[in-house]
């Protein structure tokens, strides 16, 4: 038989549930979408297709993870690092030919 949760443990579980629900529609901290990466690359001449293709390569290589969120009735992929890689290095990788 398991022992009952303390008030602190109950509060932590509740906080985790609230965070999980709020991240159904929005990227969590440290996550990004293709659109967010497109904005970060700003003036660089790289198409959305190339960004998506390169993000998929990083996902297949195990550098990034990917999940879906529902935003405005549409599904959007959200990417997050699986390895400790600086954001600037990720942008550099995406800009490589």
N, C-alpha and C. Protein backbone atom coordinates (compact mmCIF):
# COMPACT_ATOMS: atom_id res chain seq x y z
N UNK A 1 0.85 -1.17 0.00
CA UNK A 1 0.00 0.00 0.00
C UNK A 1 0.89 1.24 0.00
N UNK A 2 0.57 2.21 -0.82
CA UNK A 2 1.39 3.42 -0.90
C UNK A 2 0.94 4.45 0.13
N UNK A 3 1.91 5.26 0.58
CA UNK A 3 1.56 6.26 1.59
C UNK A 3 0.99 7.50 0.90
N UNK A 4 0.11 8.22 1.55
CA UNK A 4 -0.50 9.42 0.97
C UNK A 4 0.55 10.50 0.71
N UNK A 5 0.27 11.32 -0.29
CA UNK A 5 1.18 12.43 -0.62
C UNK A 5 1.08 13.53 0.43
N UNK A 6 2.22 14.17 0.65
CA UNK A 6 2.21 15.32 1.55
C UNK A 6 1.60 16.50 0.81
N UNK A 7 1.29 17.57 1.54
CA UNK A 7 0.72 18.76 0.90
C UNK A 7 1.68 19.32 -0.14
N UNK A 8 2.98 19.32 0.14
CA UNK A 8 3.98 19.82 -0.83
C UNK A 8 3.99 18.97 -2.09
N UNK A 9 3.92 17.66 -1.92
CA UNK A 9 3.92 16.76 -3.07
C UNK A 9 2.65 16.95 -3.90
N UNK A 10 1.52 17.12 -3.24
CA UNK A 10 0.25 17.36 -3.94
C UNK A 10 0.33 18.65 -4.75
N UNK A 11 0.91 19.70 -4.14
CA UNK A 11 1.04 20.99 -4.81
C UNK A 11 1.93 20.87 -6.05
N UNK A 12 3.03 20.13 -5.92
CA UNK A 12 3.95 19.94 -7.04
C UNK A 12 3.27 19.18 -8.19
N UNK A 13 2.51 18.15 -7.86
CA UNK A 13 1.77 17.38 -8.86
C UNK A 13 0.78 18.30 -9.57
N UNK A 14 0.06 19.11 -8.82
CA UNK A 14 -0.92 20.03 -9.40
C UNK A 14 -0.22 21.03 -10.32
N UNK A 15 0.92 21.59 -9.90
CA UNK A 15 1.68 22.53 -10.74
C UNK A 15 2.10 21.86 -12.05
N UNK A 16 2.55 20.62 -11.99
CA UNK A 16 2.96 19.90 -13.19
C UNK A 16 1.79 19.66 -14.13
N UNK A 17 0.62 19.38 -13.57
CA UNK A 17 -0.58 19.20 -14.40
C UNK A 17 -0.95 20.50 -15.09
N UNK A 18 -0.92 21.61 -14.37
CA UNK A 18 -1.24 22.92 -14.95
C UNK A 18 -0.26 23.26 -16.06
N UNK A 19 1.04 23.02 -15.83
CA UNK A 19 2.06 23.29 -16.86
C UNK A 19 1.80 22.45 -18.10
N UNK A 20 1.50 21.18 -17.90
CA UNK A 20 1.25 20.28 -19.03
C UNK A 20 0.07 20.75 -19.86
N UNK A 21 -0.99 21.15 -19.20
CA UNK A 21 -2.18 21.62 -19.91
C UNK A 21 -1.89 22.91 -20.67
N UNK A 22 -1.14 23.83 -20.06
CA UNK A 22 -0.86 25.10 -20.72
C UNK A 22 0.06 24.92 -21.92
N UNK A 23 0.88 23.86 -21.93
CA UNK A 23 1.79 23.63 -23.05
C UNK A 23 1.17 22.80 -24.17
N UNK A 24 -0.13 22.53 -24.06
CA UNK A 24 -0.83 21.85 -25.16
C UNK A 24 -0.96 22.81 -26.34
N UNK A 25 -1.13 24.10 -26.05
CA UNK A 25 -1.36 25.09 -27.09
C UNK A 25 -0.18 26.03 -27.33
N UNK A 26 0.81 26.02 -26.44
CA UNK A 26 1.95 26.93 -26.56
C UNK A 26 3.25 26.16 -26.37
N UNK A 27 4.32 26.61 -27.05
CA UNK A 27 5.62 25.99 -26.78
C UNK A 27 6.05 26.25 -25.33
N UNK A 28 6.67 25.26 -24.74
CA UNK A 28 7.21 25.42 -23.39
C UNK A 28 8.52 26.21 -23.48
N UNK A 29 9.01 26.73 -22.37
CA UNK A 29 10.29 27.43 -22.41
C UNK A 29 11.39 26.51 -22.98
N UNK A 30 12.16 27.06 -23.91
CA UNK A 30 13.22 26.29 -24.55
C UNK A 30 12.78 25.57 -25.81
N UNK A 31 11.49 25.58 -26.11
CA UNK A 31 10.97 24.97 -27.32
C UNK A 31 10.75 26.05 -28.38
N UNK A 32 10.71 25.64 -29.64
CA UNK A 32 10.49 26.60 -30.72
C UNK A 32 9.79 25.93 -31.89
N UNK A 33 9.15 26.75 -32.69
CA UNK A 33 8.46 26.28 -33.89
C UNK A 33 9.27 26.71 -35.11
N UNK A 34 8.88 26.22 -36.28
CA UNK A 34 9.53 26.62 -37.52
C UNK A 34 9.39 28.14 -37.69
N UNK A 35 8.21 28.67 -37.36
CA UNK A 35 7.97 30.10 -37.50
C UNK A 35 8.89 30.91 -36.58
N UNK A 36 9.08 30.43 -35.36
CA UNK A 36 9.97 31.12 -34.42
C UNK A 36 11.41 31.10 -34.94
N UNK A 37 11.82 29.97 -35.52
CA UNK A 37 13.17 29.87 -36.07
C UNK A 37 13.31 30.76 -37.28
N UNK A 38 12.27 30.85 -38.08
CA UNK A 38 12.26 31.72 -39.26
C UNK A 38 12.47 33.18 -38.83
N UNK A 39 11.79 33.59 -37.76
CA UNK A 39 11.96 34.95 -37.23
C UNK A 39 13.37 35.16 -36.71
N UNK A 40 13.93 34.16 -36.03
CA UNK A 40 15.28 34.27 -35.47
C UNK A 40 16.33 34.41 -36.57
N UNK A 41 16.06 33.76 -37.71
CA UNK A 41 17.00 33.84 -38.83
C UNK A 41 16.82 35.13 -39.62
N UNK A 42 15.70 35.81 -39.39
CA UNK A 42 15.42 37.13 -39.94
C UNK A 42 15.85 37.36 -41.37
N UNK A 43 16.94 38.08 -41.55
CA UNK A 43 17.37 38.51 -42.87
C UNK A 43 18.08 37.45 -43.68
N UNK A 44 18.32 36.29 -43.11
CA UNK A 44 19.02 35.23 -43.85
C UNK A 44 18.13 34.71 -44.98
N UNK A 45 18.75 34.39 -46.08
CA UNK A 45 17.99 33.88 -47.22
C UNK A 45 17.89 32.36 -47.14
N UNK A 46 16.93 31.91 -46.36
CA UNK A 46 16.68 30.48 -46.21
C UNK A 46 15.16 30.29 -46.15
N UNK A 47 14.68 29.38 -46.97
CA UNK A 47 13.23 29.18 -47.06
C UNK A 47 12.71 28.38 -45.87
N UNK A 48 11.42 28.50 -45.66
CA UNK A 48 10.77 27.74 -44.59
C UNK A 48 10.94 26.24 -44.84
N UNK A 49 10.89 25.84 -46.11
CA UNK A 49 11.07 24.43 -46.46
C UNK A 49 12.45 23.94 -46.01
N UNK A 50 13.50 24.74 -46.26
CA UNK A 50 14.86 24.35 -45.87
C UNK A 50 14.99 24.29 -44.35
N UNK A 51 14.38 25.23 -43.66
CA UNK A 51 14.42 25.22 -42.20
C UNK A 51 13.78 23.94 -41.68
N UNK A 52 12.59 23.64 -42.20
CA UNK A 52 11.86 22.43 -41.76
C UNK A 52 12.67 21.18 -42.09
N UNK A 53 13.26 21.12 -43.27
CA UNK A 53 14.07 19.98 -43.69
C UNK A 53 15.27 19.80 -42.75
N UNK A 54 15.95 20.87 -42.42
CA UNK A 54 17.12 20.79 -41.55
C UNK A 54 16.74 20.46 -40.11
N UNK A 55 15.60 20.98 -39.65
CA UNK A 55 15.12 20.62 -38.31
C UNK A 55 14.80 19.13 -38.25
N UNK A 56 14.23 18.60 -39.32
CA UNK A 56 13.93 17.16 -39.37
C UNK A 56 15.22 16.34 -39.35
N UNK A 57 16.26 16.83 -40.03
CA UNK A 57 17.56 16.14 -40.00
C UNK A 57 18.11 16.10 -38.57
N UNK A 58 18.01 17.24 -37.87
CA UNK A 58 18.49 17.30 -36.48
C UNK A 58 17.65 16.40 -35.58
N UNK A 59 16.37 16.29 -35.88
CA UNK A 59 15.49 15.41 -35.11
C UNK A 59 15.88 13.94 -35.35
N UNK A 60 16.09 13.59 -36.61
CA UNK A 60 16.48 12.21 -36.95
C UNK A 60 17.84 11.85 -36.37
N UNK A 61 18.73 12.85 -36.21
CA UNK A 61 20.06 12.61 -35.66
C UNK A 61 20.05 12.54 -34.14
N UNK A 62 18.89 12.80 -33.53
CA UNK A 62 18.79 12.73 -32.07
C UNK A 62 19.27 13.98 -31.36
N UNK A 63 19.43 15.08 -32.10
CA UNK A 63 19.84 16.35 -31.49
C UNK A 63 18.62 17.09 -30.97
N UNK A 64 17.51 17.00 -31.72
CA UNK A 64 16.26 17.66 -31.33
C UNK A 64 15.16 16.63 -31.14
N UNK A 65 14.23 16.97 -30.26
CA UNK A 65 13.00 16.20 -30.12
C UNK A 65 11.89 17.00 -30.76
N UNK A 66 10.75 16.36 -31.03
CA UNK A 66 9.64 17.05 -31.69
C UNK A 66 8.34 16.54 -31.09
N UNK A 67 7.42 17.49 -30.86
CA UNK A 67 6.07 17.14 -30.43
C UNK A 67 5.11 18.06 -31.15
N UNK A 68 3.83 17.76 -31.10
CA UNK A 68 2.82 18.59 -31.76
C UNK A 68 2.01 19.35 -30.73
N UNK A 69 1.65 20.58 -31.09
CA UNK A 69 0.71 21.36 -30.29
C UNK A 69 -0.46 21.73 -31.20
N UNK A 70 -1.56 22.09 -30.60
CA UNK A 70 -2.72 22.54 -31.35
C UNK A 70 -2.83 24.04 -31.16
N UNK A 71 -2.65 24.78 -32.25
CA UNK A 71 -2.67 26.24 -32.17
C UNK A 71 -3.64 26.79 -33.20
N UNK A 72 -4.69 27.44 -32.73
CA UNK A 72 -5.68 28.02 -33.62
C UNK A 72 -6.38 27.00 -34.50
N UNK A 73 -6.55 25.79 -33.98
CA UNK A 73 -7.23 24.75 -34.74
C UNK A 73 -6.31 23.97 -35.66
N UNK A 74 -5.06 24.39 -35.77
CA UNK A 74 -4.09 23.69 -36.62
C UNK A 74 -3.02 23.05 -35.76
N UNK A 75 -2.46 21.97 -36.24
CA UNK A 75 -1.36 21.30 -35.53
C UNK A 75 -0.04 21.92 -35.98
N UNK A 76 0.82 22.16 -35.01
CA UNK A 76 2.13 22.75 -35.27
C UNK A 76 3.19 21.92 -34.56
N UNK A 77 4.30 21.66 -35.25
CA UNK A 77 5.41 20.96 -34.63
C UNK A 77 6.20 21.91 -33.74
N UNK A 78 6.59 21.41 -32.59
CA UNK A 78 7.43 22.17 -31.66
C UNK A 78 8.69 21.34 -31.45
N UNK A 79 9.84 22.00 -31.55
CA UNK A 79 11.13 21.33 -31.42
C UNK A 79 11.79 21.73 -30.12
N UNK A 80 12.58 20.82 -29.56
CA UNK A 80 13.30 21.10 -28.32
C UNK A 80 14.61 20.31 -28.33
N UNK A 81 15.65 20.85 -27.73
CA UNK A 81 16.95 20.17 -27.74
C UNK A 81 16.95 18.93 -26.85
N UNK A 82 17.54 17.86 -27.35
CA UNK A 82 17.73 16.64 -26.58
C UNK A 82 19.14 16.59 -26.01
N UNK A 83 20.01 17.35 -26.62
CA UNK A 83 21.40 17.45 -26.17
C UNK A 83 21.64 18.88 -25.73
N UNK A 84 22.68 19.07 -24.96
CA UNK A 84 23.04 20.41 -24.51
C UNK A 84 23.73 21.15 -25.66
N UNK A 85 22.92 21.87 -26.45
CA UNK A 85 23.45 22.60 -27.60
C UNK A 85 22.96 24.05 -27.52
N UNK A 86 23.89 25.01 -27.58
CA UNK A 86 23.47 26.41 -27.52
C UNK A 86 22.58 26.79 -28.71
N UNK A 87 21.65 27.67 -28.47
CA UNK A 87 20.70 28.14 -29.49
C UNK A 87 21.46 28.69 -30.69
N UNK A 88 22.56 29.44 -30.44
CA UNK A 88 23.35 30.04 -31.52
C UNK A 88 23.95 28.95 -32.40
N UNK A 89 24.41 27.85 -31.80
CA UNK A 89 24.99 26.75 -32.58
C UNK A 89 23.92 26.10 -33.44
N UNK A 90 22.70 26.01 -32.93
CA UNK A 90 21.61 25.43 -33.70
C UNK A 90 21.31 26.29 -34.92
N UNK A 91 21.29 27.60 -34.73
CA UNK A 91 21.04 28.50 -35.85
C UNK A 91 22.15 28.36 -36.88
N UNK A 92 23.39 28.25 -36.42
CA UNK A 92 24.52 28.08 -37.33
C UNK A 92 24.36 26.80 -38.15
N UNK A 93 23.94 25.72 -37.50
CA UNK A 93 23.72 24.45 -38.20
C UNK A 93 22.63 24.61 -39.26
N UNK A 94 21.58 25.33 -38.92
CA UNK A 94 20.47 25.52 -39.86
C UNK A 94 20.89 26.35 -41.06
N UNK A 95 21.88 27.22 -40.89
CA UNK A 95 22.31 28.08 -42.00
C UNK A 95 23.35 27.40 -42.89
N UNK A 96 23.89 26.25 -42.45
CA UNK A 96 24.87 25.54 -43.27
C UNK A 96 24.19 25.04 -44.53
N UNK A 97 24.95 25.02 -45.61
CA UNK A 97 24.40 24.56 -46.89
C UNK A 97 24.33 23.06 -46.98
